[in-house]
Amino acid sequence: MIQVILHILILILGIPVGLLLKYLTRDEQKQGKKWFFVLLTALIILLIVNLFVNYELRTIVRLSLAFMIIVVLVNLYPFEN
């Protein structure tokens, strides 16, 4: 139970990290937007492939991939500062 709560908290931390990344890289947002879509696609494919693989560290890898997906999605969200 504690482990699930910790995983959720780690994933929620992806939101402020994504916002910080967006704030710090404001100048590069337009040039790098297509690469964020490429990164997002690659991360989602890796996460789907990871669902079918059975190995010891799969939970850590899935959590890391989900965290990165959240960071990229927050970075792509079109809001004004």
Protein backbone atom coordinates (compact mmCIF):
# COMPACT_ATOMS: atom_id res chain seq x y z
CA MET A 1 0.00 0.00 0.00
CA ILE A 2 2.77 2.44 0.92
CA GLN A 3 4.60 1.47 -2.25
CA VAL A 4 1.58 2.35 -4.42
CA ILE A 5 1.22 5.73 -2.70
CA LEU A 6 4.92 6.40 -3.25
CA HIS A 7 4.60 5.51 -6.95
CA ILE A 8 1.65 7.88 -7.34
CA LEU A 9 3.55 10.69 -5.60
CA ILE A 10 6.54 10.15 -7.88
CA LEU A 11 4.30 10.34 -10.95
CA ILE A 12 2.60 13.49 -9.64
CA LEU A 13 6.07 15.04 -9.31
CA GLY A 14 6.26 14.84 -13.11
CA ILE A 15 3.88 17.80 -13.36
CA PRO A 16 6.08 20.38 -11.59
CA VAL A 17 9.18 18.97 -13.29
CA GLY A 18 7.50 19.41 -16.68
CA LEU A 19 6.45 22.94 -15.80
CA LEU A 20 9.97 23.78 -14.67
CA LEU A 21 11.39 22.33 -17.88
CA LYS A 22 8.92 24.37 -19.93
CA TYR A 23 9.81 27.54 -18.00
CA LEU A 24 13.57 27.03 -18.34
CA THR A 25 13.42 26.19 -22.06
CA ARG A 26 10.94 28.81 -23.29
CA ASP A 27 13.24 29.91 -26.13
CA GLU A 28 13.72 26.41 -27.49
CA GLN A 29 10.04 25.36 -27.37
CA LYS A 30 9.18 26.14 -30.99
CA GLN A 31 12.26 24.49 -32.51
CA GLY A 32 12.05 21.41 -30.31
CA LYS A 33 8.31 20.77 -30.40
CA LYS A 34 8.53 18.08 -33.09
CA TRP A 35 11.21 16.29 -31.07
CA PHE A 36 8.93 16.21 -28.04
CA PHE A 37 6.35 14.39 -30.18
CA VAL A 38 9.03 11.94 -31.34
CA LEU A 39 10.14 11.42 -27.73
CA LEU A 40 6.54 10.97 -26.58
CA THR A 41 5.89 8.37 -29.28
CA ALA A 42 9.07 6.47 -28.43
CA LEU A 43 8.27 6.50 -24.71
CA ILE A 44 4.73 5.22 -25.26
CA ILE A 45 6.02 2.43 -27.53
CA LEU A 46 8.63 1.48 -24.93
CA LEU A 47 5.98 1.44 -22.20
CA ILE A 48 3.70 -0.81 -24.26
CA VAL A 49 6.56 -3.19 -25.08
CA ASN A 50 7.55 -3.20 -21.42
CA LEU A 51 4.07 -4.39 -20.45
CA PHE A 52 4.73 -7.69 -22.24
CA VAL A 53 8.24 -8.27 -20.90
CA ASN A 54 8.81 -10.06 -17.63
CA TYR A 55 11.96 -9.20 -15.68
CA GLU A 56 12.93 -8.13 -12.20
CA LEU A 57 13.12 -4.34 -12.59
CA ARG A 58 9.98 -3.90 -14.71
CA THR A 59 8.18 -1.79 -12.09
CA ILE A 60 11.04 0.71 -11.91
CA VAL A 61 11.28 0.92 -15.69
CA ARG A 62 7.52 1.39 -16.08
CA LEU A 63 7.49 4.07 -13.40
CA SER A 64 10.40 5.88 -15.07
CA LEU A 65 8.76 5.73 -18.50
CA ALA A 66 5.44 6.98 -17.11
CA PHE A 67 7.26 9.84 -15.32
CA MET A 68 8.97 10.87 -18.56
CA ILE A 69 5.67 10.68 -20.47
CA ILE A 70 4.05 13.00 -17.92
CA VAL A 71 6.95 15.46 -18.15
CA VAL A 72 6.74 15.53 -21.95
CA LEU A 73 2.95 15.89 -21.95
CA VAL A 74 3.09 18.79 -19.49
CA ASN A 75 5.77 20.39 -21.62
CA LEU A 76 3.60 20.08 -24.75
CA TYR A 77 0.48 21.48 -23.09
CA PRO A 78 -0.17 24.93 -24.64
CA PHE A 79 -0.61 27.32 -21.73
CA GLU A 80 0.63 30.87 -21.45
CA ASN A 81 3.03 32.00 -18.72
